[in-house]
Structures are given as C-alpha cells and as structure tokens.
Amino acid sequence: MRNKRVAENIKRELAKIIQESSDPRFIHITITGAEVTRDLKYATIYFTTMNHPEAGIALRHALGYIRSQLAQKIKIKYLPQLRFREDKSYEYGQRIDELLDRIKGETDTGADQKE
C-alpha cells in the first residue's frame, strides 16, 4: 500500500517538475503512470511524447536533475532509482482508431455500391 502512495507522489511531483522546466523539449512529455517496487528501491515512470522522440531522450538525459528535484519535494528516507519507459498505449489507441476509420470507410463505400 505504501508503494502505491509513493508512486502517486512521484508521478504528481514529476509532472510538476516537467511542467515548470524551462527545457522546451519537455513540452511534449506527459507522465502517464508510475510504479514503485515493494522495497521502494525502484520506480518505473511511464510517459508519452506525442510523437516527439527527442523529448524522451531529453528526459533520460535530465535524470540527475529530475532526481535531485524529486528528492527536495518528496520526503522519504531513500528516493527510489528512476527508470523511464515510454507508454505506447496512446500510439496504440491512435492506430486502432485509424483502423476502425478505415473499416468504416470501406463499409460505407461498399454500401454505396450496392444501391
């Protein structure tokens, strides 16, 4: 239960840090989730970049800065090591929408031909 609270705090504070950052590459980053191991040693942070891969690279390069900012905001004895993982669910959802639109278009075209 504690690891879920820590994960939520990390997610919330990390989103604030990114939003307040002056790095223009961070504009395209959205923090979508966080998971912390039971022993609180590792935190996996999920993010989307809205098709801007350079934003994810910038996020990984700023790991030291982000970790130091988090340590100031989250008051726990040991801050978990951060691991960033790109959340592909947004792109996956877009792909499904495209396929459904294509199927709908083919169905509409087929219905027009029968008339």
PDB file of N, CA and C in Angstrom:
ATOM      1  N   MET A   1       0.814  -1.188   0.000  1.00  0.00           N
ATOM      2  CA  MET A   1       0.000   0.000   0.000  1.00  0.00           C
ATOM      3  C   MET A   1       0.868   1.267   0.000  1.00  0.00           C
ATOM      4  N   ARG A   2       1.948   1.240   0.776  1.00  0.00           N
ATOM      5  CA  ARG A   2       2.818   2.410   0.837  1.00  0.00           C
ATOM      6  C   ARG A   2       3.453   2.679  -0.521  1.00  0.00           C
ATOM      7  N   ASN A   3       3.812   1.607  -1.226  1.00  0.00           N
ATOM      8  CA  ASN A   3       4.452   1.808  -2.524  1.00  0.00           C
ATOM      9  C   ASN A   3       3.508   2.501  -3.509  1.00  0.00           C
ATOM     10  N   LYS A   4       2.202   2.278  -3.385  1.00  0.00           N
ATOM     11  CA  LYS A   4       1.248   2.964  -4.268  1.00  0.00           C
ATOM     12  C   LYS A   4       1.181   4.452  -3.948  1.00  0.00           C
ATOM     13  N   ARG A   5       1.235   4.795  -2.672  1.00  0.00           N
ATOM     14  CA  ARG A   5       1.238   6.214  -2.283  1.00  0.00           C
ATOM     15  C   ARG A   5       2.506   6.900  -2.780  1.00  0.00           C
ATOM     16  N   VAL A   6       3.630   6.230  -2.621  1.00  0.00           N
ATOM     17  CA  VAL A   6       4.901   6.790  -3.084  1.00  0.00           C
ATOM     18  C   VAL A   6       4.861   6.963  -4.601  1.00  0.00           C
ATOM     19  N   ALA A   7       4.335   5.977  -5.312  1.00  0.00           N
ATOM     20  CA  ALA A   7       4.238   6.062  -6.773  1.00  0.00           C
ATOM     21  C   ALA A   7       3.378   7.248  -7.196  1.00  0.00           C
ATOM     22  N   GLU A   8       2.243   7.442  -6.536  1.00  0.00           N
ATOM     23  CA  GLU A   8       1.367   8.574  -6.863  1.00  0.00           C
ATOM     24  C   GLU A   8       2.060   9.904  -6.588  1.00  0.00           C
ATOM     25  N   ASN A   9       2.772   9.986  -5.473  1.00  0.00           N
ATOM     26  CA  ASN A   9       3.513  11.216  -5.155  1.00  0.00           C
ATOM     27  C   ASN A   9       4.591  11.494  -6.188  1.00  0.00           C
ATOM     28  N   ILE A  10       5.321  10.460  -6.580  1.00  0.00           N
ATOM     29  CA  ILE A  10       6.365  10.629  -7.588  1.00  0.00           C
ATOM     30  C   ILE A  10       5.747  11.092  -8.901  1.00  0.00           C
ATOM     31  N   LYS A  11       4.670  10.459  -9.309  1.00  0.00           N
ATOM     32  CA  LYS A  11       4.004  10.839 -10.564  1.00  0.00           C
ATOM     33  C   LYS A  11       3.577  12.302 -10.526  1.00  0.00           C
ATOM     34  N   ARG A  12       2.913  12.706  -9.453  1.00  0.00           N
ATOM     35  CA  ARG A  12       2.403  14.073  -9.332  1.00  0.00           C
ATOM     36  C   ARG A  12       3.550  15.090  -9.325  1.00  0.00           C
ATOM     37  N   GLU A  13       4.571  14.846  -8.506  1.00  0.00           N
ATOM     38  CA  GLU A  13       5.676  15.798  -8.394  1.00  0.00           C
ATOM     39  C   GLU A  13       6.520  15.838  -9.664  1.00  0.00           C
ATOM     40  N   LEU A  14       6.711  14.697 -10.290  1.00  0.00           N
ATOM     41  CA  LEU A  14       7.468  14.654 -11.537  1.00  0.00           C
ATOM     42  C   LEU A  14       6.748  15.434 -12.634  1.00  0.00           C
ATOM     43  N   ALA A  15       5.437  15.306 -12.698  1.00  0.00           N
ATOM     44  CA  ALA A  15       4.658  16.071 -13.679  1.00  0.00           C
ATOM     45  C   ALA A  15       4.835  17.572 -13.444  1.00  0.00           C
ATOM     46  N   LYS A  16       4.854  17.988 -12.186  1.00  0.00           N
ATOM     47  CA  LYS A  16       5.063  19.407 -11.866  1.00  0.00           C
ATOM     48  C   LYS A  16       6.459  19.864 -12.280  1.00  0.00           C
ATOM     49  N   ILE A  17       7.458  19.041 -11.988  1.00  0.00           N
ATOM     50  CA  ILE A  17       8.842  19.385 -12.335  1.00  0.00           C
ATOM     51  C   ILE A  17       8.973  19.577 -13.838  1.00  0.00           C
ATOM     52  N   ILE A  18       8.400  18.670 -14.600  1.00  0.00           N
ATOM     53  CA  ILE A  18       8.477  18.759 -16.061  1.00  0.00           C
ATOM     54  C   ILE A  18       7.723  19.981 -16.565  1.00  0.00           C
ATOM     55  N   GLN A  19       6.558  20.236 -15.997  1.00  0.00           N
ATOM     56  CA  GLN A  19       5.749  21.380 -16.416  1.00  0.00           C
ATOM     57  C   GLN A  19       6.468  22.703 -16.123  1.00  0.00           C
ATOM     58  N   GLU A  20       7.151  22.775 -15.001  1.00  0.00           N
ATOM     59  CA  GLU A  20       7.830  24.005 -14.600  1.00  0.00           C
ATOM     60  C   GLU A  20       9.209  24.157 -15.237  1.00  0.00           C
ATOM     61  N   SER A  21       9.690  23.136 -15.913  1.00  0.00           N
ATOM     62  CA  SER A  21      11.020  23.162 -16.513  1.00  0.00           C
ATOM     63  C   SER A  21      11.078  24.156 -17.672  1.00  0.00           C
ATOM     64  N   SER A  22      12.245  24.737 -17.852  1.00  0.00           N
ATOM     65  CA  SER A  22      12.436  25.664 -18.969  1.00  0.00           C
ATOM     66  C   SER A  22      12.905  24.943 -20.234  1.00  0.00           C
ATOM     67  N   ASP A  23      13.139  23.641 -20.148  1.00  0.00           N
ATOM     68  CA  ASP A  23      13.590  22.871 -21.313  1.00  0.00           C
ATOM     69  C   ASP A  23      12.435  22.735 -22.304  1.00  0.00           C
ATOM     70  N   PRO A  24      12.572  23.293 -23.508  1.00  0.00           N
ATOM     71  CA  PRO A  24      11.465  23.249 -24.478  1.00  0.00           C
ATOM     72  C   PRO A  24      11.125  21.834 -24.946  1.00  0.00           C
ATOM     73  N   ARG A  25      12.044  20.897 -24.818  1.00  0.00           N
ATOM     74  CA  ARG A  25      11.758  19.519 -25.239  1.00  0.00           C
ATOM     75  C   ARG A  25      10.773  18.839 -24.302  1.00  0.00           C
ATOM     76  N   PHE A  26      10.656  19.346 -23.081  1.00  0.00           N
ATOM     77  CA  PHE A  26       9.739  18.747 -22.113  1.00  0.00           C
ATOM     78  C   PHE A  26       8.281  19.100 -22.377  1.00  0.00           C
ATOM     79  N   ILE A  27       8.030  20.052 -23.266  1.00  0.00           N
ATOM     80  CA  ILE A  27       6.657  20.464 -23.570  1.00  0.00           C
ATOM     81  C   ILE A  27       5.828  19.278 -24.048  1.00  0.00           C
ATOM     82  N   HIS A  28       6.433  18.364 -24.758  1.00  0.00           N
ATOM     83  CA  HIS A  28       5.717  17.245 -25.373  1.00  0.00           C
ATOM     84  C   HIS A  28       5.598  16.019 -24.465  1.00  0.00           C
ATOM     85  N   ILE A  29       6.083  16.112 -23.234  1.00  0.00           N
ATOM     86  CA  ILE A  29       6.073  14.953 -22.338  1.00  0.00           C
ATOM     87  C   ILE A  29       4.867  14.999 -21.405  1.00  0.00           C
ATOM     88  N   THR A  30       4.198  13.865 -21.298  1.00  0.00           N
ATOM     89  CA  THR A  30       3.120  13.689 -20.329  1.00  0.00           C
ATOM     90  C   THR A  30       3.443  12.451 -19.500  1.00  0.00           C
ATOM     91  N   ILE A  31       3.438  12.605 -18.194  1.00  0.00           N
ATOM     92  CA  ILE A  31       3.653  11.470 -17.295  1.00  0.00           C
ATOM     93  C   ILE A  31       2.325  10.741 -17.163  1.00  0.00           C
ATOM     94  N   THR A  32       2.305   9.464 -17.538  1.00  0.00           N
ATOM     95  CA  THR A  32       1.047   8.707 -17.542  1.00  0.00           C
ATOM     96  C   THR A  32       0.922   7.734 -16.378  1.00  0.00           C
ATOM     97  N   GLY A  33       2.029   7.423 -15.731  1.00  0.00           N
ATOM     98  CA  GLY A  33       1.938   6.481 -14.623  1.00  0.00           C
ATOM     99  C   GLY A  33       3.265   6.298 -13.922  1.00  0.00           C
ATOM    100  N   ALA A  34       3.193   5.663 -12.766  1.00  0.00           N
ATOM    101  CA  ALA A  34       4.396   5.342 -12.002  1.00  0.00           C
ATOM    102  C   ALA A  34       4.124   4.082 -11.192  1.00  0.00           C
ATOM    103  N   GLU A  35       5.126   3.236 -11.136  1.00  0.00           N
ATOM    104  CA  GLU A  35       5.057   2.019 -10.321  1.00  0.00           C
ATOM    105  C   GLU A  35       6.321   1.951  -9.481  1.00  0.00           C
ATOM    106  N   VAL A  36       6.151   1.613  -8.219  1.00  0.00           N
ATOM    107  CA  VAL A  36       7.287   1.501  -7.311  1.00  0.00           C
ATOM    108  C   VAL A  36       7.334   0.070  -6.791  1.00  0.00           C
ATOM    109  N   THR A  37       8.540  -0.495  -6.745  1.00  0.00           N
ATOM    110  CA  THR A  37       8.689  -1.859  -6.231  1.00  0.00           C
ATOM    111  C   THR A  37       8.350  -1.891  -4.741  1.00  0.00           C
ATOM    112  N   ARG A  38       8.044  -3.092  -4.245  1.00  0.00           N
ATOM    113  CA  ARG A  38       7.653  -3.242  -2.832  1.00  0.00           C
ATOM    114  C   ARG A  38       8.712  -2.725  -1.868  1.00  0.00           C
ATOM    115  N   ASP A  39       9.973  -2.926  -2.232  1.00  0.00           N
ATOM    116  CA  ASP A  39      11.050  -2.477  -1.345  1.00  0.00           C
ATOM    117  C   ASP A  39      11.378  -0.991  -1.520  1.00  0.00           C
ATOM    118  N   LEU A  40      10.651  -0.310  -2.402  1.00  0.00           N
ATOM    119  CA  LEU A  40      10.792   1.130  -2.661  1.00  0.00           C
ATOM    120  C   LEU A  40      12.163   1.503  -3.227  1.00  0.00           C
ATOM    121  N   LYS A  41      12.851   0.557  -3.841  1.00  0.00           N
ATOM    122  CA  LYS A  41      14.169   0.854  -4.395  1.00  0.00           C
ATOM    123  C   LYS A  41      14.112   1.360  -5.832  1.00  0.00           C
ATOM    124  N   TYR A  42      13.094   0.964  -6.572  1.00  0.00           N
ATOM    125  CA  TYR A  42      12.994   1.348  -7.981  1.00  0.00           C
ATOM    126  C   TYR A  42      11.606   1.880  -8.300  1.00  0.00           C
ATOM    127  N   ALA A  43      11.592   2.908  -9.135  1.00  0.00           N
ATOM    128  CA  ALA A  43      10.326   3.457  -9.618  1.00  0.00           C
ATOM    129  C   ALA A  43      10.383   3.473 -11.140  1.00  0.00           C
ATOM    130  N   THR A  44       9.390   2.875 -11.760  1.00  0.00           N
ATOM    131  CA  THR A  44       9.279   2.915 -13.213  1.00  0.00           C
ATOM    132  C   THR A  44       8.273   4.003 -13.551  1.00  0.00           C
ATOM    133  N   ILE A  45       8.715   4.953 -14.349  1.00  0.00           N
ATOM    134  CA  ILE A  45       7.893   6.092 -14.728  1.00  0.00           C
ATOM    135  C   ILE A  45       7.488   5.915 -16.184  1.00  0.00           C
ATOM    136  N   TYR A  46       6.189   5.973 -16.446  1.00  0.00           N
ATOM    137  CA  TYR A  46       5.668   5.836 -17.803  1.00  0.00           C
ATOM    138  C   TYR A  46       5.314   7.214 -18.343  1.00  0.00           C
ATOM    139  N   PHE A  47       5.684   7.457 -19.595  1.00  0.00           N
ATOM    140  CA  PHE A  47       5.442   8.763 -20.195  1.00  0.00           C
ATOM    141  C   PHE A  47       5.097   8.620 -21.672  1.00  0.00           C
ATOM    142  N   THR A  48       4.451   9.644 -22.214  1.00  0.00           N
ATOM    143  CA  THR A  48       4.219   9.725 -23.655  1.00  0.00           C
ATOM    144  C   THR A  48       4.910  10.981 -24.161  1.00  0.00           C
ATOM    145  N   THR A  49       5.262  10.967 -25.453  1.00  0.00           N
ATOM    146  CA  THR A  49       5.945  12.111 -26.053  1.00  0.00           C
ATOM    147  C   THR A  49       5.187  12.691 -27.235  1.00  0.00           C
ATOM    148  N   MET A  50       4.014  12.183 -27.517  1.00  0.00           N
ATOM    149  CA  MET A  50       3.193  12.678 -28.627  1.00  0.00           C
ATOM    150  C   MET A  50       4.004  12.763 -29.926  1.00  0.00           C
ATOM    151  N   ASN A  51       4.668  11.655 -30.251  1.00  0.00           N
ATOM    152  CA  ASN A  51       5.452  11.524 -31.485  1.00  0.00           C
ATOM    153  C   ASN A  51       6.637  12.488 -31.565  1.00  0.00           C
ATOM    154  N   HIS A  52       7.236  12.797 -30.425  1.00  0.00           N
ATOM    155  CA  HIS A  52       8.447  13.611 -30.372  1.00  0.00           C
ATOM    156  C   HIS A  52       9.516  12.812 -29.619  1.00  0.00           C
ATOM    157  N   PRO A  53      10.203  11.889 -30.310  1.00  0.00           N
ATOM    158  CA  PRO A  53      11.158  11.011 -29.619  1.00  0.00           C
ATOM    159  C   PRO A  53      12.290  11.756 -28.920  1.00  0.00           C
ATOM    160  N   GLU A  54      12.635  12.954 -29.403  1.00  0.00           N
ATOM    161  CA  GLU A  54      13.709  13.715 -28.759  1.00  0.00           C
ATOM    162  C   GLU A  54      13.331  14.109 -27.331  1.00  0.00           C
ATOM    163  N   ALA A  55      12.043  14.201 -27.056  1.00  0.00           N
ATOM    164  CA  ALA A  55      11.586  14.536 -25.704  1.00  0.00           C
ATOM    165  C   ALA A  55      11.932  13.412 -24.727  1.00  0.00           C
ATOM    166  N   GLY A  56      11.762  12.182 -25.146  1.00  0.00           N
ATOM    167  CA  GLY A  56      12.115  11.047 -24.294  1.00  0.00           C
ATOM    168  C   GLY A  56      13.606  10.976 -24.027  1.00  0.00           C
ATOM    169  N   ILE A  57      14.392  11.294 -25.042  1.00  0.00           N
ATOM    170  CA  ILE A  57      15.850  11.317 -24.882  1.00  0.00           C
ATOM    171  C   ILE A  57      16.242  12.400 -23.881  1.00  0.00           C
ATOM    172  N   ALA A  58      15.621  13.568 -24.003  1.00  0.00           N
ATOM    173  CA  ALA A  58      15.902  14.677 -23.080  1.00  0.00           C
ATOM    174  C   ALA A  58      15.537  14.297 -21.650  1.00  0.00           C
ATOM    175  N   LEU A  59      14.442  13.595 -21.495  1.00  0.00           N
ATOM    176  CA  LEU A  59      14.001  13.168 -20.169  1.00  0.00           C
ATOM    177  C   LEU A  59      15.038  12.249 -19.530  1.00  0.00           C
ATOM    178  N   ARG A  60      15.545  11.323 -20.293  1.00  0.00           N
ATOM    179  CA  ARG A  60      16.557  10.394 -19.762  1.00  0.00           C
ATOM    180  C   ARG A  60      17.872  11.116 -19.446  1.00  0.00           C
ATOM    181  N   HIS A  61      18.229  12.107 -20.277  1.00  0.00           N
ATOM    182  CA  HIS A  61      19.462  12.858 -20.026  1.00  0.00           C
ATOM    183  C   HIS A  61      19.356  13.739 -18.783  1.00  0.00           C
ATOM    184  N   ALA A  62      18.152  14.140 -18.438  1.00  0.00           N
ATOM    185  CA  ALA A  62      17.942  15.021 -17.284  1.00  0.00           C
ATOM    186  C   ALA A  62      17.683  14.237 -15.996  1.00  0.00           C
ATOM    187  N   LEU A  63      17.970  12.960 -15.999  1.00  0.00           N
ATOM    188  CA  LEU A  63      17.660  12.094 -14.860  1.00  0.00           C
ATOM    189  C   LEU A  63      18.244  12.616 -13.544  1.00  0.00           C
ATOM    190  N   GLY A  64      19.489  13.044 -13.552  1.00  0.00           N
ATOM    191  CA  GLY A  64      20.120  13.552 -12.331  1.00  0.00           C
ATOM    192  C   GLY A  64      19.405  14.780 -11.788  1.00  0.00           C
ATOM    193  N   TYR A  65      19.093  15.716 -12.673  1.00  0.00           N
ATOM    194  CA  TYR A  65      18.371  16.927 -12.276  1.00  0.00           C
ATOM    195  C   TYR A  65      16.991  16.572 -11.728  1.00  0.00           C
ATOM    196  N   ILE A  66      16.289  15.710 -12.434  1.00  0.00           N
ATOM    197  CA  ILE A  66      14.934  15.314 -12.026  1.00  0.00           C
ATOM    198  C   ILE A  66      14.975  14.630 -10.662  1.00  0.00           C
ATOM    199  N   ARG A  67      15.925  13.758 -10.480  1.00  0.00           N
ATOM    200  CA  ARG A  67      16.043  13.037  -9.207  1.00  0.00           C
ATOM    201  C   ARG A  67      16.329  14.001  -8.050  1.00  0.00           C
ATOM    202  N   SER A  68      17.200  14.983  -8.282  1.00  0.00           N
ATOM    203  CA  SER A  68      17.502  15.946  -7.213  1.00  0.00           C
ATOM    204  C   SER A  68      16.280  16.806  -6.887  1.00  0.00           C
ATOM    205  N   GLN A  69      15.516  17.188  -7.906  1.00  0.00           N
ATOM    206  CA  GLN A  69      14.293  17.962  -7.673  1.00  0.00           C
ATOM    207  C   GLN A  69      13.258  17.138  -6.908  1.00  0.00           C
ATOM    208  N   LEU A  70      13.116  15.880  -7.288  1.00  0.00           N
ATOM    209  CA  LEU A  70      12.173  14.999  -6.584  1.00  0.00           C
ATOM    210  C   LEU A  70      12.575  14.815  -5.121  1.00  0.00           C
ATOM    211  N   ALA A  71      13.864  14.677  -4.875  1.00  0.00           N
ATOM    212  CA  ALA A  71      14.347  14.470  -3.506  1.00  0.00           C
ATOM    213  C   ALA A  71      13.983  15.651  -2.610  1.00  0.00           C
ATOM    214  N   GLN A  72      13.934  16.853  -3.179  1.00  0.00           N
ATOM    215  CA  GLN A  72      13.557  18.035  -2.401  1.00  0.00           C
ATOM    216  C   GLN A  72      12.062  18.066  -2.103  1.00  0.00           C
ATOM    217  N   LYS A  73      11.265  17.475  -2.983  1.00  0.00           N
ATOM    218  CA  LYS A  73       9.808  17.566  -2.858  1.00  0.00           C
ATOM    219  C   LYS A  73       9.179  16.379  -2.141  1.00  0.00           C
ATOM    220  N   ILE A  74       9.798  15.213  -2.256  1.00  0.00           N
ATOM    221  CA  ILE A  74       9.243  14.005  -1.642  1.00  0.00           C
ATOM    222  C   ILE A  74      10.105  13.642  -0.443  1.00  0.00           C
ATOM    223  N   LYS A  75       9.503  13.666   0.698  1.00  0.00           N
ATOM    224  CA  LYS A  75      10.242  13.448   1.942  1.00  0.00           C
ATOM    225  C   LYS A  75      10.161  11.986   2.376  1.00  0.00           C
ATOM    226  N   ILE A  76      11.047  11.179   1.799  1.00  0.00           N
ATOM    227  CA  ILE A  76      11.211   9.798   2.243  1.00  0.00           C
ATOM    228  C   ILE A  76      12.707   9.557   2.438  1.00  0.00           C
ATOM    229  N   LYS A  77      13.026   8.552   3.212  1.00  0.00           N
ATOM    230  CA  LYS A  77      14.424   8.304   3.570  1.00  0.00           C
ATOM    231  C   LYS A  77      15.295   8.077   2.332  1.00  0.00           C
ATOM    232  N   TYR A  78      14.855   7.191   1.448  1.00  0.00           N
ATOM    233  CA  TYR A  78      15.599   6.907   0.217  1.00  0.00           C
ATOM    234  C   TYR A  78      14.672   7.061  -0.974  1.00  0.00           C
ATOM    235  N   LEU A  79      15.042   7.930  -1.884  1.00  0.00           N
ATOM    236  CA  LEU A  79      14.251   8.104  -3.101  1.00  0.00           C
ATOM    237  C   LEU A  79      14.553   6.934  -4.038  1.00  0.00           C
ATOM    238  N   PRO A  80      13.535   6.300  -4.588  1.00  0.00           N
ATOM    239  CA  PRO A  80      13.775   5.172  -5.498  1.00  0.00           C
ATOM    240  C   PRO A  80      14.587   5.589  -6.731  1.00  0.00           C
ATOM    241  N   GLN A  81      15.339   4.646  -7.277  1.00  0.00           N
ATOM    242  CA  GLN A  81      16.014   4.866  -8.549  1.00  0.00           C
ATOM    243  C   GLN A  81      14.938   4.964  -9.625  1.00  0.00           C
ATOM    244  N   LEU A  82      15.058   5.934 -10.506  1.00  0.00           N
ATOM    245  CA  LEU A  82      14.042   6.152 -11.531  1.00  0.00           C
ATOM    246  C   LEU A  82      14.417   5.442 -12.825  1.00  0.00           C
ATOM    247  N   ARG A  83      13.420   4.790 -13.413  1.00  0.00           N
ATOM    248  CA  ARG A  83      13.571   4.162 -14.733  1.00  0.00           C
ATOM    249  C   ARG A  83      12.428   4.685 -15.589  1.00  0.00           C
ATOM    250  N   PHE A  84      12.758   5.236 -16.737  1.00  0.00           N
ATOM    251  CA  PHE A  84      11.735   5.790 -17.621  1.00  0.00           C
ATOM    252  C   PHE A  84      11.391   4.793 -18.719  1.00  0.00           C
ATOM    253  N   ARG A  85      10.098   4.628 -18.958  1.00  0.00           N
ATOM    254  CA  ARG A  85       9.598   3.739 -20.014  1.00  0.00           C
ATOM    255  C   ARG A  85       8.537   4.494 -20.803  1.00  0.00           C
ATOM    256  N   GLU A  86       8.686   4.474 -22.114  1.00  0.00           N
ATOM    257  CA  GLU A  86       7.686   5.150 -22.943  1.00  0.00           C
ATOM    258  C   GLU A  86       6.396   4.347 -22.943  1.00  0.00           C
ATOM    259  N   ASP A  87       5.306   5.029 -22.699  1.00  0.00           N
ATOM    260  CA  ASP A  87       3.971   4.425 -22.672  1.00  0.00           C
ATOM    261  C   ASP A  87       3.435   4.436 -24.102  1.00  0.00           C
ATOM    262  N   LYS A  88       3.326   3.278 -24.693  1.00  0.00           N
ATOM    263  CA  LYS A  88       2.897   3.159 -26.091  1.00  0.00           C
ATOM    264  C   LYS A  88       1.382   3.078 -26.244  1.00  0.00           C
ATOM    265  N   SER A  89       0.635   3.131 -25.156  1.00  0.00           N
ATOM    266  CA  SER A  89      -0.819   2.958 -25.251  1.00  0.00           C
ATOM    267  C   SER A  89      -1.478   4.073 -26.059  1.00  0.00           C
ATOM    268  N   TYR A  90      -0.941   5.288 -26.000  1.00  0.00           N
ATOM    269  CA  TYR A  90      -1.510   6.393 -26.780  1.00  0.00           C
ATOM    270  C   TYR A  90      -1.391   6.103 -28.276  1.00  0.00           C
ATOM    271  N   GLU A  91      -0.183   5.722 -28.717  1.00  0.00           N
ATOM    272  CA  GLU A  91       0.020   5.416 -30.129  1.00  0.00           C
ATOM    273  C   GLU A  91      -0.794   4.192 -30.551  1.00  0.00           C
ATOM    274  N   TYR A  92      -0.888   3.220 -29.658  1.00  0.00           N
ATOM    275  CA  TYR A  92      -1.680   2.023 -29.926  1.00  0.00           C
ATOM    276  C   TYR A  92      -3.145   2.402 -30.127  1.00  0.00           C
ATOM    277  N   GLY A  93      -3.655   3.277 -29.281  1.00  0.00           N
ATOM    278  CA  GLY A  93      -5.038   3.743 -29.414  1.00  0.00           C
ATOM    279  C   GLY A  93      -5.259   4.498 -30.713  1.00  0.00           C
ATOM    280  N   GLN A  94      -4.288   5.322 -31.102  1.00  0.00           N
ATOM    281  CA  GLN A  94      -4.393   6.044 -32.375  1.00  0.00           C
ATOM    282  C   GLN A  94      -4.444   5.066 -33.542  1.00  0.00           C
ATOM    283  N   ARG A  95      -3.624   4.050 -33.496  1.00  0.00           N
ATOM    284  CA  ARG A  95      -3.581   3.049 -34.572  1.00  0.00           C
ATOM    285  C   ARG A  95      -4.918   2.320 -34.677  1.00  0.00           C
ATOM    286  N   ILE A  96      -5.510   1.967 -33.546  1.00  0.00           N
ATOM    287  CA  ILE A  96      -6.815   1.301 -33.550  1.00  0.00           C
ATOM    288  C   ILE A  96      -7.871   2.224 -34.146  1.00  0.00           C
ATOM    289  N   ASP A  97      -7.842   3.510 -33.765  1.00  0.00           N
ATOM    290  CA  ASP A  97      -8.793   4.474 -34.331  1.00  0.00           C
ATOM    291  C   ASP A  97      -8.652   4.564 -35.847  1.00  0.00           C
ATOM    292  N   GLU A  98      -7.402   4.591 -36.337  1.00  0.00           N
ATOM    293  CA  GLU A  98      -7.171   4.646 -37.785  1.00  0.00           C
ATOM    294  C   GLU A  98      -7.746   3.414 -38.476  1.00  0.00           C
ATOM    295  N   LEU A  99      -7.513   2.248 -37.891  1.00  0.00           N
ATOM    296  CA  LEU A  99      -8.028   1.013 -38.485  1.00  0.00           C
ATOM    297  C   LEU A  99      -9.552   0.992 -38.484  1.00  0.00           C
ATOM    298  N   LEU A 100     -10.161   1.434 -37.397  1.00  0.00           N
ATOM    299  CA  LEU A 100     -11.624   1.481 -37.336  1.00  0.00           C
ATOM    300  C   LEU A 100     -12.188   2.469 -38.353  1.00  0.00           C
ATOM    301  N   ASP A 101     -11.521   3.618 -38.512  1.00  0.00           N
ATOM    302  CA  ASP A 101     -11.963   4.589 -39.515  1.00  0.00           C
ATOM    303  C   ASP A 101     -11.852   4.007 -40.919  1.00  0.00           C
ATOM    304  N   ARG A 102     -10.768   3.269 -41.176  1.00  0.00           N
ATOM    305  CA  ARG A 102     -10.585   2.660 -42.490  1.00  0.00           C
ATOM    306  C   ARG A 102     -11.677   1.620 -42.748  1.00  0.00           C
ATOM    307  N   ILE A 103     -11.964   0.796 -41.751  1.00  0.00           N
ATOM    308  CA  ILE A 103     -13.020  -0.219 -41.896  1.00  0.00           C
ATOM    309  C   ILE A 103     -14.361   0.453 -42.130  1.00  0.00           C
ATOM    310  N   LYS A 104     -14.625   1.502 -41.383  1.00  0.00           N
ATOM    311  CA  LYS A 104     -15.888   2.230 -41.543  1.00  0.00           C
ATOM    312  C   LYS A 104     -15.979   2.823 -42.947  1.00  0.00           C
ATOM    313  N   GLY A 105     -14.873   3.378 -43.436  1.00  0.00           N
ATOM    314  CA  GLY A 105     -14.849   3.941 -44.787  1.00  0.00           C
ATOM    315  C   GLY A 105     -15.094   2.882 -45.843  1.00  0.00           C
ATOM    316  N   GLU A 106     -14.500   1.706 -45.668  1.00  0.00           N
ATOM    317  CA  GLU A 106     -14.709   0.616 -46.622  1.00  0.00           C
ATOM    318  C   GLU A 106     -16.143   0.117 -46.568  1.00  0.00           C
ATOM    319  N   THR A 107     -16.718   0.069 -45.385  1.00  0.00           N
ATOM    320  CA  THR A 107     -18.104  -0.373 -45.229  1.00  0.00           C
ATOM    321  C   THR A 107     -19.048   0.625 -45.885  1.00  0.00           C
ATOM    322  N   ASP A 108     -18.790   1.917 -45.665  1.00  0.00           N
ATOM    323  CA  ASP A 108     -19.628   2.952 -46.277  1.00  0.00           C
ATOM    324  C   ASP A 108     -19.523   2.906 -47.797  1.00  0.00           C
ATOM    325  N   THR A 109     -18.331   2.708 -48.318  1.00  0.00           N
ATOM    326  CA  THR A 109     -18.126   2.634 -49.769  1.00  0.00           C
ATOM    327  C   THR A 109     -18.824   1.410 -50.335  1.00  0.00           C
ATOM    328  N   GLY A 110     -18.739   0.291 -49.647  1.00  0.00           N
ATOM    329  CA  GLY A 110     -19.400  -0.937 -50.093  1.00  0.00           C
ATOM    330  C   GLY A 110     -20.908  -0.798 -50.095  1.00  0.00           C
ATOM    331  N   ALA A 111     -21.466  -0.107 -49.130  1.00  0.00           N
ATOM    332  CA  ALA A 111     -22.919   0.098 -49.059  1.00  0.00           C
ATOM    333  C   ALA A 111     -23.386   0.982 -50.203  1.00  0.00           C
ATOM    334  N   ASP A 112     -22.563   1.963 -50.580  1.00  0.00           N
ATOM    335  CA  ASP A 112     -22.929   2.853 -51.679  1.00  0.00           C
ATOM    336  C   ASP A 112     -22.955   2.101 -53.007  1.00  0.00           C
ATOM    337  N   GLN A 113     -22.076   1.142 -53.182  1.00  0.00           N
ATOM    338  CA  GLN A 113     -22.005   0.403 -54.437  1.00  0.00           C
ATOM    339  C   GLN A 113     -23.205  -0.508 -54.630  1.00  0.00           C
ATOM    340  N   LYS A 114     -23.817  -0.984 -53.549  1.00  0.00           N
ATOM    341  CA  LYS A 114     -24.954  -1.894 -53.661  1.00  0.00           C
ATOM    342  C   LYS A 114     -26.215  -1.159 -54.081  1.00  0.00           C
ATOM    343  N   GLU A 115     -26.286   0.128 -53.848  1.00  0.00           N
ATOM    344  CA  GLU A 115     -27.503   0.882 -54.161  1.00  0.00           C
ATOM    345  C   GLU A 115     -27.619   1.244 -55.595  1.00  0.00           C
TER     346      GLU A 115
END
